[in-house]
Amino acid sequence: EINGAALSPMDAYSLLRGMKTLKLRVERQNESAMTIARYLQNHPMI
């Protein structure tokens, strides 16, 4: 509060809105990242 590195209300609102789908997004990203990792693991150029 003295240093002054405060989060702006507009950014806080955008973060709040985004967080409503946090679990849905992360679950999808977990699943897709695993699939992609397995694909890359078997690619000859990786």
ModelCIF file with pLDDT and N, C-alpha, C, O atoms, coordinates in Angstrom:
data_MODEL
#
_entry.id   MODEL 
#
_entity.id                         1 
_entity.type                       polymer 
_entity.pdbx_number_of_molecules   1 
#
_entity_poly.entity_id                      1 
_entity_poly.type                           'polypeptide(L)' 
_entity_poly.nstd_linkage                   no 
_entity_poly.nstd_monomer                   no 
_entity_poly.pdbx_seq_one_letter_code       EINGAALSPMDAYSLLRGMKTLKLRVERQNESAMTIARYLQNHPMI 
_entity_poly.pdbx_seq_one_letter_code_can   EINGAALSPMDAYSLLRGMKTLKLRVERQNESAMTIARYLQNHPMI 
_entity_poly.pdbx_strand_id                 A 
#
loop_
_entity_poly_seq.entity_id 
_entity_poly_seq.num 
_entity_poly_seq.mon_id 
_entity_poly_seq.hetero 
1 1  GLU n 
1 2  ILE n 
1 3  ASN n 
1 4  GLY n 
1 5  ALA n 
1 6  ALA n 
1 7  LEU n 
1 8  SER n 
1 9  PRO n 
1 10 MET n 
1 11 ASP n 
1 12 ALA n 
1 13 TYR n 
1 14 SER n 
1 15 LEU n 
1 16 LEU n 
1 17 ARG n 
1 18 GLY n 
1 19 MET n 
1 20 LYS n 
1 21 THR n 
1 22 LEU n 
1 23 LYS n 
1 24 LEU n 
1 25 ARG n 
1 26 VAL n 
1 27 GLU n 
1 28 ARG n 
1 29 GLN n 
1 30 ASN n 
1 31 GLU n 
1 32 SER n 
1 33 ALA n 
1 34 MET n 
1 35 THR n 
1 36 ILE n 
1 37 ALA n 
1 38 ARG n 
1 39 TYR n 
1 40 LEU n 
1 41 GLN n 
1 42 ASN n 
1 43 HIS n 
1 44 PRO n 
1 45 MET n 
1 46 ILE n 
#
_struct_asym.id          A 
_struct_asym.entity_id   1 
#
loop_
_ma_qa_metric.id 
_ma_qa_metric.mode 
_ma_qa_metric.name 
_ma_qa_metric.software_group_id 
_ma_qa_metric.type 
1 global pLDDT . pLDDT 
2 local  pLDDT . pLDDT 
#
_ma_qa_metric_global.metric_id      1 
_ma_qa_metric_global.metric_value   97.37 
_ma_qa_metric_global.model_id       1 
_ma_qa_metric_global.ordinal_id     1 
#
loop_
_ma_qa_metric_local.label_asym_id 
_ma_qa_metric_local.label_comp_id 
_ma_qa_metric_local.label_seq_id 
_ma_qa_metric_local.metric_id 
_ma_qa_metric_local.metric_value 
_ma_qa_metric_local.model_id 
_ma_qa_metric_local.ordinal_id 
A GLU 1  2 96.00 1 1  
A ILE 2  2 96.00 1 2  
A ASN 3  2 95.00 1 3  
A GLY 4  2 96.00 1 4  
A ALA 5  2 97.00 1 5  
A ALA 6  2 98.00 1 6  
A LEU 7  2 98.00 1 7  
A SER 8  2 98.00 1 8  
A PRO 9  2 97.00 1 9  
A MET 10 2 98.00 1 10 
A ASP 11 2 98.00 1 11 
A ALA 12 2 98.00 1 12 
A TYR 13 2 97.00 1 13 
A SER 14 2 98.00 1 14 
A LEU 15 2 98.00 1 15 
A LEU 16 2 97.00 1 16 
A ARG 17 2 97.00 1 17 
A GLY 18 2 97.00 1 18 
A MET 19 2 97.00 1 19 
A LYS 20 2 97.00 1 20 
A THR 21 2 97.00 1 21 
A LEU 22 2 98.00 1 22 
A LYS 23 2 97.00 1 23 
A LEU 24 2 98.00 1 24 
A ARG 25 2 98.00 1 25 
A VAL 26 2 98.00 1 26 
A GLU 27 2 98.00 1 27 
A ARG 28 2 98.00 1 28 
A GLN 29 2 98.00 1 29 
A ASN 30 2 98.00 1 30 
A GLU 31 2 98.00 1 31 
A SER 32 2 98.00 1 32 
A ALA 33 2 98.00 1 33 
A MET 34 2 98.00 1 34 
A THR 35 2 98.00 1 35 
A ILE 36 2 98.00 1 36 
A ALA 37 2 98.00 1 37 
A ARG 38 2 98.00 1 38 
A TYR 39 2 98.00 1 39 
A LEU 40 2 98.00 1 40 
A GLN 41 2 97.00 1 41 
A ASN 42 2 96.00 1 42 
A HIS 43 2 97.00 1 43 
A PRO 44 2 96.00 1 44 
A MET 45 2 95.00 1 45 
A ILE 46 2 97.00 1 46 
#
loop_
_atom_site.group_PDB 
_atom_site.id 
_atom_site.type_symbol 
_atom_site.label_atom_id 
_atom_site.label_alt_id 
_atom_site.label_comp_id 
_atom_site.label_asym_id 
_atom_site.label_entity_id 
_atom_site.label_seq_id 
_atom_site.pdbx_PDB_ins_code 
_atom_site.Cartn_x 
_atom_site.Cartn_y 
_atom_site.Cartn_z 
_atom_site.occupancy 
_atom_site.B_iso_or_equiv 
_atom_site.pdbx_formal_charge 
_atom_site.auth_seq_id 
_atom_site.auth_comp_id 
_atom_site.auth_asym_id 
_atom_site.auth_atom_id 
_atom_site.pdbx_PDB_model_num 
ATOM 1   N N  . GLU A 1 1  ? 0.829   -1.210  0.000   1.00 96.00 ? 1  GLU A N  1 
ATOM 2   C CA . GLU A 1 1  ? 0.000   0.000   0.000   1.00 96.00 ? 1  GLU A CA 1 
ATOM 3   C C  . GLU A 1 1  ? 0.863   1.260   0.000   1.00 96.00 ? 1  GLU A C  1 
ATOM 4   O O  . GLU A 1 1  ? 0.464   2.289   -0.545  1.00 96.00 ? 1  GLU A O  1 
ATOM 5   N N  . ILE A 1 2  ? 2.045   1.176   0.612   1.00 96.00 ? 2  ILE A N  1 
ATOM 6   C CA . ILE A 1 2  ? 2.956   2.323   0.608   1.00 96.00 ? 2  ILE A CA 1 
ATOM 7   C C  . ILE A 1 2  ? 3.794   2.339   -0.660  1.00 96.00 ? 2  ILE A C  1 
ATOM 8   O O  . ILE A 1 2  ? 4.058   3.399   -1.226  1.00 96.00 ? 2  ILE A O  1 
ATOM 9   N N  . ASN A 1 3  ? 4.210   1.158   -1.101  1.00 95.00 ? 3  ASN A N  1 
ATOM 10  C CA . ASN A 1 3  ? 4.985   1.041   -2.339  1.00 95.00 ? 3  ASN A CA 1 
ATOM 11  C C  . ASN A 1 3  ? 4.164   1.449   -3.551  1.00 95.00 ? 3  ASN A C  1 
ATOM 12  O O  . ASN A 1 3  ? 4.702   1.989   -4.518  1.00 95.00 ? 3  ASN A O  1 
ATOM 13  N N  . GLY A 1 4  ? 2.849   1.190   -3.499  1.00 96.00 ? 4  GLY A N  1 
ATOM 14  C CA . GLY A 1 4  ? 1.946   1.690   -4.534  1.00 96.00 ? 4  GLY A CA 1 
ATOM 15  C C  . GLY A 1 4  ? 1.655   0.756   -5.692  1.00 96.00 ? 4  GLY A C  1 
ATOM 16  O O  . GLY A 1 4  ? 1.043   1.177   -6.674  1.00 96.00 ? 4  GLY A O  1 
ATOM 17  N N  . ALA A 1 5  ? 2.079   -0.514  -5.607  1.00 97.00 ? 5  ALA A N  1 
ATOM 18  C CA . ALA A 1 5  ? 1.875   -1.449  -6.727  1.00 97.00 ? 5  ALA A CA 1 
ATOM 19  C C  . ALA A 1 5  ? 0.486   -2.064  -6.681  1.00 97.00 ? 5  ALA A C  1 
ATOM 20  O O  . ALA A 1 5  ? 0.342   -3.282  -6.583  1.00 97.00 ? 5  ALA A O  1 
ATOM 21  N N  . ALA A 1 6  ? -0.537  -1.220  -6.752  1.00 98.00 ? 6  ALA A N  1 
ATOM 22  C CA . ALA A 1 6  ? -1.922  -1.664  -6.571  1.00 98.00 ? 6  ALA A CA 1 
ATOM 23  C C  . ALA A 1 6  ? -2.519  -2.205  -7.865  1.00 98.00 ? 6  ALA A C  1 
ATOM 24  O O  . ALA A 1 6  ? -2.227  -1.712  -8.955  1.00 98.00 ? 6  ALA A O  1 
ATOM 25  N N  . LEU A 1 7  ? -3.360  -3.226  -7.724  1.00 98.00 ? 7  LEU A N  1 
ATOM 26  C CA . LEU A 1 7  ? -4.124  -3.767  -8.844  1.00 98.00 ? 7  LEU A CA 1 
ATOM 27  C C  . LEU A 1 7  ? -5.239  -2.786  -9.200  1.00 98.00 ? 7  LEU A C  1 
ATOM 28  O O  . LEU A 1 7  ? -5.921  -2.274  -8.313  1.00 98.00 ? 7  LEU A O  1 
ATOM 29  N N  . SER A 1 8  ? -5.426  -2.523  -10.493 1.00 98.00 ? 8  SER A N  1 
ATOM 30  C CA . SER A 1 8  ? -6.477  -1.590  -10.902 1.00 98.00 ? 8  SER A CA 1 
ATOM 31  C C  . SER A 1 8  ? -7.844  -2.277  -10.858 1.00 98.00 ? 8  SER A C  1 
ATOM 32  O O  . SER A 1 8  ? -7.926  -3.484  -11.081 1.00 98.00 ? 8  SER A O  1 
ATOM 33  N N  . PRO A 1 9  ? -8.909  -1.538  -10.577 1.00 97.00 ? 9  PRO A N  1 
ATOM 34  C CA . PRO A 1 9  ? -10.261 -2.121  -10.552 1.00 97.00 ? 9  PRO A CA 1 
ATOM 35  C C  . PRO A 1 9  ? -10.655 -2.768  -11.879 1.00 97.00 ? 9  PRO A C  1 
ATOM 36  O O  . PRO A 1 9  ? -11.326 -3.801  -11.886 1.00 97.00 ? 9  PRO A O  1 
ATOM 37  N N  . MET A 1 10 ? -10.246 -2.173  -13.000 1.00 98.00 ? 10 MET A N  1 
ATOM 38  C CA . MET A 1 10 ? -10.608 -2.740  -14.300 1.00 98.00 ? 10 MET A CA 1 
ATOM 39  C C  . MET A 1 10 ? -9.929  -4.089  -14.510 1.00 98.00 ? 10 MET A C  1 
ATOM 40  O O  . MET A 1 10 ? -10.558 -5.033  -14.987 1.00 98.00 ? 10 MET A O  1 
ATOM 41  N N  . ASP A 1 11 ? -8.652  -4.183  -14.157 1.00 98.00 ? 11 ASP A N  1 
ATOM 42  C CA . ASP A 1 11 ? -7.960  -5.463  -14.266 1.00 98.00 ? 11 ASP A CA 1 
ATOM 43  C C  . ASP A 1 11 ? -8.562  -6.483  -13.297 1.00 98.00 ? 11 ASP A C  1 
ATOM 44  O O  . ASP A 1 11 ? -8.696  -7.658  -13.637 1.00 98.00 ? 11 ASP A O  1 
ATOM 45  N N  . ALA A 1 12 ? -8.922  -6.036  -12.096 1.00 98.00 ? 12 ALA A N  1 
ATOM 46  C CA . ALA A 1 12 ? -9.552  -6.939  -11.129 1.00 98.00 ? 12 ALA A CA 1 
ATOM 47  C C  . ALA A 1 12 ? -10.858 -7.493  -11.689 1.00 98.00 ? 12 ALA A C  1 
ATOM 48  O O  . ALA A 1 12 ? -11.154 -8.677  -11.529 1.00 98.00 ? 12 ALA A O  1 
ATOM 49  N N  . TYR A 1 13 ? -11.630 -6.643  -12.340 1.00 97.00 ? 13 TYR A N  1 
ATOM 50  C CA . TYR A 1 13 ? -12.890 -7.090  -12.949 1.00 97.00 ? 13 TYR A CA 1 
ATOM 51  C C  . TYR A 1 13 ? -12.629 -8.129  -14.035 1.00 97.00 ? 13 TYR A C  1 
ATOM 52  O O  . TYR A 1 13 ? -13.303 -9.158  -14.088 1.00 97.00 ? 13 TYR A O  1 
ATOM 53  N N  . SER A 1 14 ? -11.646 -7.861  -14.905 1.00 98.00 ? 14 SER A N  1 
ATOM 54  C CA . SER A 1 14 ? -11.321 -8.809  -15.976 1.00 98.00 ? 14 SER A CA 1 
ATOM 55  C C  . SER A 1 14 ? -10.851 -10.144 -15.408 1.00 98.00 ? 14 SER A C  1 
ATOM 56  O O  . SER A 1 14 ? -11.196 -11.204 -15.930 1.00 98.00 ? 14 SER A O  1 
ATOM 57  N N  . LEU A 1 15 ? -10.061 -10.087 -14.336 1.00 98.00 ? 15 LEU A N  1 
ATOM 58  C CA . LEU A 1 15 ? -9.592  -11.315 -13.694 1.00 98.00 ? 15 LEU A CA 1 
ATOM 59  C C  . LEU A 1 15 ? -10.751 -12.082 -13.061 1.00 98.00 ? 15 LEU A C  1 
ATOM 60  O O  . LEU A 1 15 ? -10.819 -13.307 -13.160 1.00 98.00 ? 15 LEU A O  1 
ATOM 61  N N  . LEU A 1 16 ? -11.659 -11.358 -12.413 1.00 97.00 ? 16 LEU A N  1 
ATOM 62  C CA . LEU A 1 16 ? -12.835 -11.995 -11.829 1.00 97.00 ? 16 LEU A CA 1 
ATOM 63  C C  . LEU A 1 16 ? -13.667 -12.710 -12.891 1.00 97.00 ? 16 LEU A C  1 
ATOM 64  O O  . LEU A 1 16 ? -14.092 -13.848 -12.697 1.00 97.00 ? 16 LEU A O  1 
ATOM 65  N N  . ARG A 1 17 ? -13.889 -12.045 -13.989 1.00 97.00 ? 17 ARG A N  1 
ATOM 66  C CA . ARG A 1 17 ? -14.684 -12.629 -15.073 1.00 97.00 ? 17 ARG A CA 1 
ATOM 67  C C  . ARG A 1 17 ? -14.002 -13.876 -15.628 1.00 97.00 ? 17 ARG A C  1 
ATOM 68  O O  . ARG A 1 17 ? -14.648 -14.895 -15.873 1.00 97.00 ? 17 ARG A O  1 
ATOM 69  N N  . GLY A 1 18 ? -12.692 -13.781 -15.823 1.00 97.00 ? 18 GLY A N  1 
ATOM 70  C CA . GLY A 1 18 ? -11.953 -14.929 -16.334 1.00 97.00 ? 18 GLY A CA 1 
ATOM 71  C C  . GLY A 1 18 ? -11.963 -16.117 -15.392 1.00 97.00 ? 18 GLY A C  1 
ATOM 72  O O  . GLY A 1 18 ? -12.012 -17.266 -15.830 1.00 97.00 ? 18 GLY A O  1 
ATOM 73  N N  . MET A 1 19 ? -11.918 -15.838 -14.088 1.00 97.00 ? 19 MET A N  1 
ATOM 74  C CA . MET A 1 19 ? -11.825 -16.918 -13.109 1.00 97.00 ? 19 MET A CA 1 
ATOM 75  C C  . MET A 1 19 ? -13.092 -17.756 -13.008 1.00 97.00 ? 19 MET A C  1 
ATOM 76  O O  . MET A 1 19 ? -13.057 -18.862 -12.469 1.00 97.00 ? 19 MET A O  1 
ATOM 77  N N  . LYS A 1 20 ? -14.194 -17.255 -13.511 1.00 97.00 ? 20 LYS A N  1 
ATOM 78  C CA . LYS A 1 20 ? -15.431 -18.041 -13.461 1.00 97.00 ? 20 LYS A CA 1 
ATOM 79  C C  . LYS A 1 20 ? -15.316 -19.339 -14.265 1.00 97.00 ? 20 LYS A C  1 
ATOM 80  O O  . LYS A 1 20 ? -16.020 -20.308 -13.982 1.00 97.00 ? 20 LYS A O  1 
ATOM 81  N N  . THR A 1 21 ? -14.441 -19.357 -15.255 1.00 97.00 ? 21 THR A N  1 
ATOM 82  C CA . THR A 1 21 ? -14.244 -20.566 -16.054 1.00 97.00 ? 21 THR A CA 1 
ATOM 83  C C  . THR A 1 21 ? -12.900 -21.238 -15.764 1.00 97.00 ? 21 THR A C  1 
ATOM 84  O O  . THR A 1 21 ? -12.447 -22.075 -16.544 1.00 97.00 ? 21 THR A O  1 
ATOM 85  N N  . LEU A 1 22 ? -12.264 -20.877 -14.654 1.00 98.00 ? 22 LEU A N  1 
ATOM 86  C CA . LEU A 1 22 ? -10.923 -21.385 -14.358 1.00 98.00 ? 22 LEU A CA 1 
ATOM 87  C C  . LEU A 1 22 ? -10.859 -22.909 -14.363 1.00 98.00 ? 22 LEU A C  1 
ATOM 88  O O  . LEU A 1 22 ? -10.000 -23.489 -15.027 1.00 98.00 ? 22 LEU A O  1 
ATOM 89  N N  . LYS A 1 23 ? -11.745 -23.554 -13.641 1.00 97.00 ? 23 LYS A N  1 
ATOM 90  C CA . LYS A 1 23 ? -11.679 -25.019 -13.549 1.00 97.00 ? 23 LYS A CA 1 
ATOM 91  C C  . LYS A 1 23 ? -11.946 -25.673 -14.908 1.00 97.00 ? 23 LYS A C  1 
ATOM 92  O O  . LYS A 1 23 ? -11.280 -26.641 -15.277 1.00 97.00 ? 23 LYS A O  1 
ATOM 93  N N  . LEU A 1 24 ? -12.911 -25.149 -15.642 1.00 98.00 ? 24 LEU A N  1 
ATOM 94  C CA . LEU A 1 24 ? -13.203 -25.697 -16.964 1.00 98.00 ? 24 LEU A CA 1 
ATOM 95  C C  . LEU A 1 24 ? -11.993 -25.579 -17.886 1.00 98.00 ? 24 LEU A C  1 
ATOM 96  O O  . LEU A 1 24 ? -11.634 -26.528 -18.583 1.00 98.00 ? 24 LEU A O  1 
ATOM 97  N N  . ARG A 1 25 ? -11.371 -24.400 -17.879 1.00 98.00 ? 25 ARG A N  1 
ATOM 98  C CA . ARG A 1 25 ? -10.211 -24.181 -18.745 1.00 98.00 ? 25 ARG A CA 1 
ATOM 99  C C  . ARG A 1 25 ? -9.043  -25.078 -18.355 1.00 98.00 ? 25 ARG A C  1 
ATOM 100 O O  . ARG A 1 25 ? -8.446  -25.739 -19.205 1.00 98.00 ? 25 ARG A O  1 
ATOM 101 N N  . VAL A 1 26 ? -8.725  -25.095 -17.072 1.00 98.00 ? 26 VAL A N  1 
ATOM 102 C CA . VAL A 1 26 ? -7.557  -25.846 -16.605 1.00 98.00 ? 26 VAL A CA 1 
ATOM 103 C C  . VAL A 1 26 ? -7.728  -27.342 -16.833 1.00 98.00 ? 26 VAL A C  1 
ATOM 104 O O  . VAL A 1 26 ? -6.776  -28.022 -17.216 1.00 98.00 ? 26 VAL A O  1 
ATOM 105 N N  . GLU A 1 27 ? -8.918  -27.854 -16.605 1.00 98.00 ? 27 GLU A N  1 
ATOM 106 C CA . GLU A 1 27 ? -9.152  -29.284 -16.865 1.00 98.00 ? 27 GLU A CA 1 
ATOM 107 C C  . GLU A 1 27 ? -8.919  -29.617 -18.337 1.00 98.00 ? 27 GLU A C  1 
ATOM 108 O O  . GLU A 1 27 ? -8.318  -30.642 -18.659 1.00 98.00 ? 27 GLU A O  1 
ATOM 109 N N  . ARG A 1 28 ? -9.392  -28.756 -19.220 1.00 98.00 ? 28 ARG A N  1 
ATOM 110 C CA . ARG A 1 28 ? -9.185  -28.969 -20.658 1.00 98.00 ? 28 ARG A CA 1 
ATOM 111 C C  . ARG A 1 28 ? -7.694  -28.875 -20.999 1.00 98.00 ? 28 ARG A C  1 
ATOM 112 O O  . ARG A 1 28 ? -7.179  -29.681 -21.773 1.00 98.00 ? 28 ARG A O  1 
ATOM 113 N N  . GLN A 1 29 ? -7.011  -27.892 -20.422 1.00 98.00 ? 29 GLN A N  1 
ATOM 114 C CA . GLN A 1 29 ? -5.586  -27.717 -20.697 1.00 98.00 ? 29 GLN A CA 1 
ATOM 115 C C  . GLN A 1 29 ? -4.753  -28.866 -20.130 1.00 98.00 ? 29 GLN A C  1 
ATOM 116 O O  . GLN A 1 29 ? -3.784  -29.296 -20.755 1.00 98.00 ? 29 GLN A O  1 
ATOM 117 N N  . ASN A 1 30 ? -5.126  -29.364 -18.951 1.00 98.00 ? 30 ASN A N  1 
ATOM 118 C CA . ASN A 1 30 ? -4.458  -30.547 -18.396 1.00 98.00 ? 30 ASN A CA 1 
ATOM 119 C C  . ASN A 1 30 ? -4.513  -31.707 -19.385 1.00 98.00 ? 30 ASN A C  1 
ATOM 120 O O  . ASN A 1 30 ? -3.495  -32.325 -19.698 1.00 98.00 ? 30 ASN A O  1 
ATOM 121 N N  . GLU A 1 31 ? -5.706  -31.985 -19.864 1.00 98.00 ? 31 GLU A N  1 
ATOM 122 C CA . GLU A 1 31 ? -5.942  -33.128 -20.754 1.00 98.00 ? 31 GLU A CA 1 
ATOM 123 C C  . GLU A 1 31 ? -5.202  -32.969 -22.081 1.00 98.00 ? 31 GLU A C  1 
ATOM 124 O O  . GLU A 1 31 ? -4.561  -33.905 -22.560 1.00 98.00 ? 31 GLU A O  1 
ATOM 125 N N  . SER A 1 32 ? -5.297  -31.776 -22.667 1.00 98.00 ? 32 SER A N  1 
ATOM 126 C CA . SER A 1 32 ? -4.656  -31.541 -23.965 1.00 98.00 ? 32 SER A CA 1 
ATOM 127 C C  . SER A 1 32 ? -3.135  -31.560 -23.855 1.00 98.00 ? 32 SER A C  1 
ATOM 128 O O  . SER A 1 32 ? -2.460  -32.099 -24.731 1.00 98.00 ? 32 SER A O  1 
ATOM 129 N N  . ALA A 1 33 ? -2.590  -30.974 -22.787 1.00 98.00 ? 33 ALA A N  1 
ATOM 130 C CA . ALA A 1 33 ? -1.138  -30.959 -22.607 1.00 98.00 ? 33 ALA A CA 1 
ATOM 131 C C  . ALA A 1 33 ? -0.585  -32.373 -22.498 1.00 98.00 ? 33 ALA A C  1 
ATOM 132 O O  . ALA A 1 33 ? 0.479   -32.663 -23.043 1.00 98.00 ? 33 ALA A O  1 
ATOM 133 N N  . MET A 1 34 ? -1.290  -33.250 -21.806 1.00 98.00 ? 34 MET A N  1 
ATOM 134 C CA . MET A 1 34 ? -0.848  -34.640 -21.692 1.00 98.00 ? 34 MET A CA 1 
ATOM 135 C C  . MET A 1 34 ? -0.835  -35.309 -23.061 1.00 98.00 ? 34 MET A C  1 
ATOM 136 O O  . MET A 1 34 ? 0.116   -36.016 -23.398 1.00 98.00 ? 34 MET A O  1 
ATOM 137 N N  . THR A 1 35 ? -1.874  -35.093 -23.845 1.00 98.00 ? 35 THR A N  1 
ATOM 138 C CA . THR A 1 35 ? -1.959  -35.691 -25.182 1.00 98.00 ? 35 THR A CA 1 
ATOM 139 C C  . THR A 1 35 ? -0.834  -35.185 -26.079 1.00 98.00 ? 35 THR A C  1 
ATOM 140 O O  . THR A 1 35 ? -0.218  -35.961 -26.809 1.00 98.00 ? 35 THR A O  1 
ATOM 141 N N  . ILE A 1 36 ? -0.568  -33.878 -26.019 1.00 98.00 ? 36 ILE A N  1 
ATOM 142 C CA . ILE A 1 36 ? 0.488   -33.288 -26.845 1.00 98.00 ? 36 ILE A CA 1 
ATOM 143 C C  . ILE A 1 36 ? 1.866   -33.762 -26.392 1.00 98.00 ? 36 ILE A C  1 
ATOM 144 O O  . ILE A 1 36 ? 2.732   -34.035 -27.223 1.00 98.00 ? 36 ILE A O  1 
ATOM 145 N N  . ALA A 1 37 ? 2.072   -33.860 -25.090 1.00 98.00 ? 37 ALA A N  1 
ATOM 146 C CA . ALA A 1 37 ? 3.358   -34.344 -24.565 1.00 98.00 ? 37 ALA A CA 1 
ATOM 147 C C  . ALA A 1 37 ? 3.646   -35.758 -25.063 1.00 98.00 ? 37 ALA A C  1 
ATOM 148 O O  . ALA A 1 37 ? 4.772   -36.065 -25.454 1.00 98.00 ? 37 ALA A O  1 
ATOM 149 N N  . ARG A 1 38 ? 2.635   -36.610 -25.047 1.00 98.00 ? 38 ARG A N  1 
ATOM 150 C CA . ARG A 1 38 ? 2.819   -37.985 -25.531 1.00 98.00 ? 38 ARG A CA 1 
ATOM 151 C C  . ARG A 1 38 ? 3.110   -38.018 -27.028 1.00 98.00 ? 38 ARG A C  1 
ATOM 152 O O  . ARG A 1 38 ? 3.916   -38.823 -27.495 1.00 98.00 ? 38 ARG A O  1 
ATOM 153 N N  . TYR A 1 39 ? 2.442   -37.132 -27.780 1.00 98.00 ? 39 TYR A N  1 
ATOM 154 C CA . TYR A 1 39 ? 2.703   -37.047 -29.216 1.00 98.00 ? 39 TYR A CA 1 
ATOM 155 C C  . TYR A 1 39 ? 4.146   -36.616 -29.475 1.00 98.00 ? 39 TYR A C  1 
ATOM 156 O O  . TYR A 1 39 ? 4.854   -37.238 -30.266 1.00 98.00 ? 39 TYR A O  1 
ATOM 157 N N  . LEU A 1 40 ? 4.578   -35.542 -28.799 1.00 98.00 ? 40 LEU A N  1 
ATOM 158 C CA . LEU A 1 40 ? 5.931   -35.021 -29.013 1.00 98.00 ? 40 LEU A CA 1 
ATOM 159 C C  . LEU A 1 40 ? 7.003   -36.015 -28.576 1.00 98.00 ? 40 LEU A C  1 
ATOM 160 O O  . LEU A 1 40 ? 8.083   -36.075 -29.165 1.00 98.00 ? 40 LEU A O  1 
ATOM 161 N N  . GLN A 1 41 ? 6.702   -36.783 -27.554 1.00 97.00 ? 41 GLN A N  1 
ATOM 162 C CA . GLN A 1 41 ? 7.657   -37.762 -27.036 1.00 97.00 ? 41 GLN A CA 1 
ATOM 163 C C  . GLN A 1 41 ? 8.065   -38.779 -28.106 1.00 97.00 ? 41 GLN A C  1 
ATOM 164 O O  . GLN A 1 41 ? 9.161   -39.337 -28.061 1.00 97.00 ? 41 GLN A O  1 
ATOM 165 N N  . ASN A 1 42 ? 7.181   -39.005 -29.052 1.00 96.00 ? 42 ASN A N  1 
ATOM 166 C CA . ASN A 1 42 ? 7.439   -39.993 -30.101 1.00 96.00 ? 42 ASN A CA 1 
ATOM 167 C C  . ASN A 1 42 ? 7.818   -39.367 -31.442 1.00 96.00 ? 42 ASN A C  1 
ATOM 168 O O  . ASN A 1 42 ? 7.934   -40.069 -32.446 1.00 96.00 ? 42 ASN A O  1 
ATOM 169 N N  . HIS A 1 43 ? 8.013   -38.031 -31.458 1.00 97.00 ? 43 HIS A N  1 
ATOM 170 C CA . HIS A 1 43 ? 8.347   -37.372 -32.719 1.00 97.00 ? 43 HIS A CA 1 
ATOM 171 C C  . HIS A 1 43 ? 9.865   -37.406 -32.930 1.00 97.00 ? 43 HIS A C  1 
ATOM 172 O O  . HIS A 1 43 ? 10.618  -37.098 -32.006 1.00 97.00 ? 43 HIS A O  1 
ATOM 173 N N  . PRO A 1 44 ? 10.325  -37.774 -34.127 1.00 96.00 ? 44 PRO A N  1 
ATOM 174 C CA . PRO A 1 44 ? 11.769  -37.915 -34.371 1.00 96.00 ? 44 PRO A CA 1 
ATOM 175 C C  . PRO A 1 44 ? 12.579  -36.624 -34.254 1.00 96.00 ? 44 PRO A C  1 
ATOM 176 O O  . PRO A 1 44 ? 13.790  -36.681 -34.043 1.00 96.00 ? 44 PRO A O  1 
ATOM 177 N N  . MET A 1 45 ? 11.936  -35.463 -34.385 1.00 95.00 ? 45 MET A N  1 
ATOM 178 C CA . MET A 1 45 ? 12.675  -34.199 -34.324 1.00 95.00 ? 45 MET A CA 1 
ATOM 179 C C  . MET A 1 45 ? 12.688  -33.583 -32.920 1.00 95.00 ? 45 MET A C  1 
ATOM 180 O O  . MET A 1 45 ? 13.218  -32.488 -32.730 1.00 95.00 ? 45 MET A O  1 
ATOM 181 N N  . ILE A 1 46 ? 12.117  -34.271 -31.952 1.00 97.00 ? 46 ILE A N  1 
ATOM 182 C CA . ILE A 1 46 ? 12.086  -33.769 -30.580 1.00 97.00 ? 46 ILE A CA 1 
ATOM 183 C C  . ILE A 1 46 ? 13.047  -34.577 -29.722 1.00 97.00 ? 46 ILE A C  1 
ATOM 184 O O  . ILE A 1 46 ? 13.176  -34.318 -28.526 1.00 97.00 ? 46 ILE A O  1 
#
